N, C-alpha and C. Protein backbone atom coordinates (compact mmCIF):
# COMPACT_ATOMS: atom_id res chain seq x y z
N MET A 1 128.10 -56.79 18.89
CA MET A 1 128.46 -56.54 20.26
C MET A 1 127.34 -56.98 21.21
N GLU A 2 126.08 -56.73 20.80
CA GLU A 2 124.95 -57.11 21.64
C GLU A 2 124.85 -58.62 21.79
N LYS A 3 125.19 -59.36 20.76
CA LYS A 3 125.11 -60.82 20.81
C LYS A 3 126.11 -61.37 21.84
N LYS A 4 127.30 -60.77 21.91
CA LYS A 4 128.30 -61.22 22.88
C LYS A 4 127.80 -60.95 24.30
N PHE A 5 127.21 -59.80 24.50
CA PHE A 5 126.68 -59.45 25.82
C PHE A 5 125.58 -60.43 26.22
N GLU A 6 124.69 -60.74 25.30
CA GLU A 6 123.62 -61.68 25.59
C GLU A 6 124.17 -63.07 25.89
N ALA A 7 125.20 -63.48 25.18
CA ALA A 7 125.80 -64.79 25.41
C ALA A 7 126.46 -64.85 26.79
N VAL A 8 127.16 -63.80 27.16
CA VAL A 8 127.80 -63.75 28.48
C VAL A 8 126.74 -63.76 29.58
N LEU A 9 125.69 -62.99 29.40
CA LEU A 9 124.61 -62.94 30.38
C LEU A 9 123.96 -64.32 30.54
N LEU A 10 123.72 -64.98 29.43
CA LEU A 10 123.12 -66.31 29.46
C LEU A 10 124.03 -67.30 30.19
N LEU A 11 125.34 -67.25 29.93
CA LEU A 11 126.27 -68.14 30.62
C LEU A 11 126.29 -67.87 32.12
N CYS A 12 126.22 -66.62 32.49
CA CYS A 12 126.18 -66.27 33.92
C CYS A 12 124.93 -66.84 34.59
N LEU A 13 123.79 -66.71 33.94
CA LEU A 13 122.55 -67.23 34.49
C LEU A 13 122.59 -68.75 34.63
N VAL A 14 123.13 -69.42 33.65
CA VAL A 14 123.25 -70.88 33.71
C VAL A 14 124.19 -71.27 34.85
N GLY A 15 125.27 -70.55 35.00
CA GLY A 15 126.21 -70.83 36.09
C GLY A 15 125.58 -70.65 37.45
N ILE A 16 124.82 -69.59 37.62
CA ILE A 16 124.14 -69.34 38.89
C ILE A 16 123.11 -70.43 39.17
N ALA A 17 122.38 -70.83 38.17
CA ALA A 17 121.39 -71.89 38.34
C ALA A 17 122.07 -73.21 38.73
N ALA A 18 123.20 -73.51 38.13
CA ALA A 18 123.92 -74.74 38.45
C ALA A 18 124.43 -74.71 39.88
N MET A 19 124.95 -73.57 40.33
CA MET A 19 125.44 -73.46 41.70
C MET A 19 124.29 -73.61 42.69
N HIS A 20 123.13 -73.06 42.37
CA HIS A 20 121.97 -73.16 43.25
C HIS A 20 121.52 -74.61 43.37
N THR A 21 121.52 -75.35 42.28
CA THR A 21 121.13 -76.75 42.30
C THR A 21 122.10 -77.57 43.14
N GLU A 22 123.41 -77.34 42.98
CA GLU A 22 124.40 -78.06 43.78
C GLU A 22 124.25 -77.75 45.26
N LYS A 23 123.95 -76.51 45.58
CA LYS A 23 123.78 -76.12 46.98
C LYS A 23 122.56 -76.83 47.57
N ALA A 24 121.50 -76.95 46.82
CA ALA A 24 120.30 -77.64 47.30
C ALA A 24 120.60 -79.11 47.55
N ASP A 25 121.35 -79.74 46.66
CA ASP A 25 121.72 -81.14 46.85
C ASP A 25 122.58 -81.31 48.09
N ALA A 26 123.51 -80.40 48.32
CA ALA A 26 124.38 -80.48 49.49
C ALA A 26 123.57 -80.35 50.77
N THR A 27 122.57 -79.48 50.75
CA THR A 27 121.73 -79.31 51.93
C THR A 27 120.98 -80.60 52.23
N SER A 28 120.49 -81.25 51.20
CA SER A 28 119.80 -82.52 51.36
C SER A 28 120.74 -83.57 51.93
N ASP A 29 121.96 -83.63 51.41
CA ASP A 29 122.95 -84.58 51.90
C ASP A 29 123.32 -84.28 53.35
N ASP A 30 123.46 -83.00 53.68
CA ASP A 30 123.78 -82.62 55.05
C ASP A 30 122.68 -83.05 56.01
N GLN A 31 121.44 -82.92 55.60
CA GLN A 31 120.30 -83.31 56.44
C GLN A 31 120.30 -84.82 56.64
N LYS A 32 120.56 -85.58 55.59
CA LYS A 32 120.61 -87.04 55.71
C LYS A 32 121.73 -87.46 56.66
N PHE A 33 122.90 -86.80 56.54
CA PHE A 33 124.02 -87.13 57.42
C PHE A 33 123.66 -86.82 58.86
N LYS A 34 123.02 -85.69 59.10
CA LYS A 34 122.64 -85.30 60.47
C LYS A 34 121.65 -86.29 61.06
N GLU A 35 120.68 -86.72 60.27
CA GLU A 35 119.71 -87.71 60.75
C GLU A 35 120.40 -89.02 61.09
N CYS A 36 121.31 -89.46 60.23
CA CYS A 36 122.07 -90.69 60.48
C CYS A 36 122.87 -90.54 61.76
N TYR A 37 123.56 -89.43 61.89
CA TYR A 37 124.42 -89.18 63.04
C TYR A 37 123.60 -89.15 64.33
N ASP A 38 122.48 -88.43 64.33
CA ASP A 38 121.65 -88.32 65.53
C ASP A 38 121.13 -89.68 65.98
N THR A 39 120.63 -90.47 65.02
CA THR A 39 120.12 -91.80 65.33
C THR A 39 121.24 -92.69 65.87
N CYS A 40 122.36 -92.69 65.20
CA CYS A 40 123.50 -93.51 65.61
C CYS A 40 123.96 -93.13 67.02
N HIS A 41 124.05 -91.84 67.28
CA HIS A 41 124.54 -91.35 68.57
C HIS A 41 123.62 -91.81 69.70
N LYS A 42 122.31 -91.71 69.50
CA LYS A 42 121.35 -92.15 70.52
C LYS A 42 121.48 -93.65 70.77
N GLU A 43 121.59 -94.43 69.69
CA GLU A 43 121.71 -95.88 69.83
C GLU A 43 123.03 -96.26 70.50
N CYS A 44 124.08 -95.54 70.21
CA CYS A 44 125.40 -95.83 70.80
C CYS A 44 125.36 -95.67 72.31
N PHE A 45 124.69 -94.63 72.79
CA PHE A 45 124.59 -94.41 74.23
C PHE A 45 123.69 -95.45 74.90
N LYS A 46 122.65 -95.90 74.19
CA LYS A 46 121.66 -96.80 74.77
C LYS A 46 122.05 -98.27 74.72
N ASP A 47 123.13 -98.62 74.05
CA ASP A 47 123.44 -100.04 73.86
C ASP A 47 123.94 -100.74 75.12
N GLY A 48 124.12 -100.02 76.21
CA GLY A 48 124.46 -100.63 77.48
C GLY A 48 125.91 -100.99 77.67
N LYS A 49 126.78 -100.58 76.78
CA LYS A 49 128.20 -100.90 76.89
C LYS A 49 128.98 -99.81 77.61
N GLY A 50 128.31 -98.76 78.03
CA GLY A 50 128.98 -97.68 78.73
C GLY A 50 129.86 -96.82 77.84
N ASN A 51 129.48 -96.71 76.57
CA ASN A 51 130.26 -95.89 75.63
C ASN A 51 130.19 -94.42 76.02
N GLY A 52 131.30 -93.74 75.91
CA GLY A 52 131.36 -92.31 76.19
C GLY A 52 131.00 -91.47 74.99
N TYR A 53 130.86 -90.18 75.22
CA TYR A 53 130.47 -89.24 74.17
C TYR A 53 131.47 -89.25 73.02
N THR A 54 132.76 -89.19 73.33
CA THR A 54 133.79 -89.12 72.29
C THR A 54 133.80 -90.39 71.45
N PHE A 55 133.68 -91.53 72.10
CA PHE A 55 133.65 -92.80 71.36
C PHE A 55 132.48 -92.81 70.38
N CYS A 56 131.28 -92.45 70.89
CA CYS A 56 130.09 -92.46 70.03
C CYS A 56 130.20 -91.44 68.91
N GLU A 57 130.76 -90.28 69.20
CA GLU A 57 130.92 -89.26 68.18
C GLU A 57 131.82 -89.75 67.04
N MET A 58 132.94 -90.35 67.40
CA MET A 58 133.88 -90.83 66.37
C MET A 58 133.28 -92.01 65.60
N LYS A 59 132.62 -92.92 66.31
CA LYS A 59 132.01 -94.08 65.67
C LYS A 59 130.94 -93.65 64.68
N CYS A 60 130.07 -92.74 65.11
CA CYS A 60 128.96 -92.31 64.26
C CYS A 60 129.43 -91.46 63.09
N ASP A 61 130.45 -90.64 63.30
CA ASP A 61 131.04 -89.89 62.18
C ASP A 61 131.53 -90.85 61.10
N ALA A 62 132.25 -91.85 61.52
CA ALA A 62 132.81 -92.81 60.57
C ALA A 62 131.71 -93.62 59.89
N ASP A 63 130.76 -94.13 60.68
CA ASP A 63 129.69 -94.96 60.11
C ASP A 63 128.83 -94.18 59.11
N CYS A 64 128.43 -92.97 59.49
CA CYS A 64 127.55 -92.19 58.63
C CYS A 64 128.29 -91.66 57.39
N ALA A 65 129.54 -91.33 57.54
CA ALA A 65 130.34 -90.90 56.38
C ALA A 65 130.48 -92.05 55.39
N THR A 66 130.69 -93.25 55.91
CA THR A 66 130.80 -94.43 55.04
C THR A 66 129.49 -94.66 54.28
N LYS A 67 128.37 -94.55 54.99
CA LYS A 67 127.07 -94.72 54.34
C LYS A 67 126.85 -93.65 53.27
N GLU A 68 127.25 -92.43 53.55
CA GLU A 68 127.08 -91.33 52.60
C GLU A 68 127.92 -91.56 51.35
N ILE A 69 129.13 -92.00 51.53
CA ILE A 69 130.02 -92.26 50.39
C ILE A 69 129.49 -93.42 49.54
N LYS A 70 129.03 -94.48 50.20
CA LYS A 70 128.46 -95.62 49.46
C LYS A 70 127.25 -95.19 48.65
N ALA A 71 126.40 -94.37 49.25
CA ALA A 71 125.19 -93.90 48.55
C ALA A 71 125.56 -93.08 47.33
N LYS A 72 126.58 -92.23 47.44
CA LYS A 72 127.00 -91.42 46.31
C LYS A 72 127.61 -92.27 45.20
N LEU A 73 128.37 -93.30 45.58
CA LEU A 73 128.99 -94.16 44.57
C LEU A 73 127.98 -95.06 43.88
N MET A 74 126.96 -95.47 44.60
CA MET A 74 125.97 -96.40 44.05
C MET A 74 124.89 -95.70 43.21
N GLY A 75 124.69 -94.45 43.45
CA GLY A 75 123.60 -93.87 42.69
C GLY A 75 123.63 -92.43 42.65
């Protein structure tokens, strides 16, 4: 009976560790997306074409999401 309890406890600990690692990776990805978005948004406003906030928001969302997906697929 004690062996089963130890096995269940070990599986729980491994599961918690795996979830923590995934959460850390997601935070890193979120930070990269935010940096991409912020840079893109600033450049979109400064390009002199008179782009509005909504246009730049949609453009940068799409551009940065595409970059994020490509990065995940490539490596």
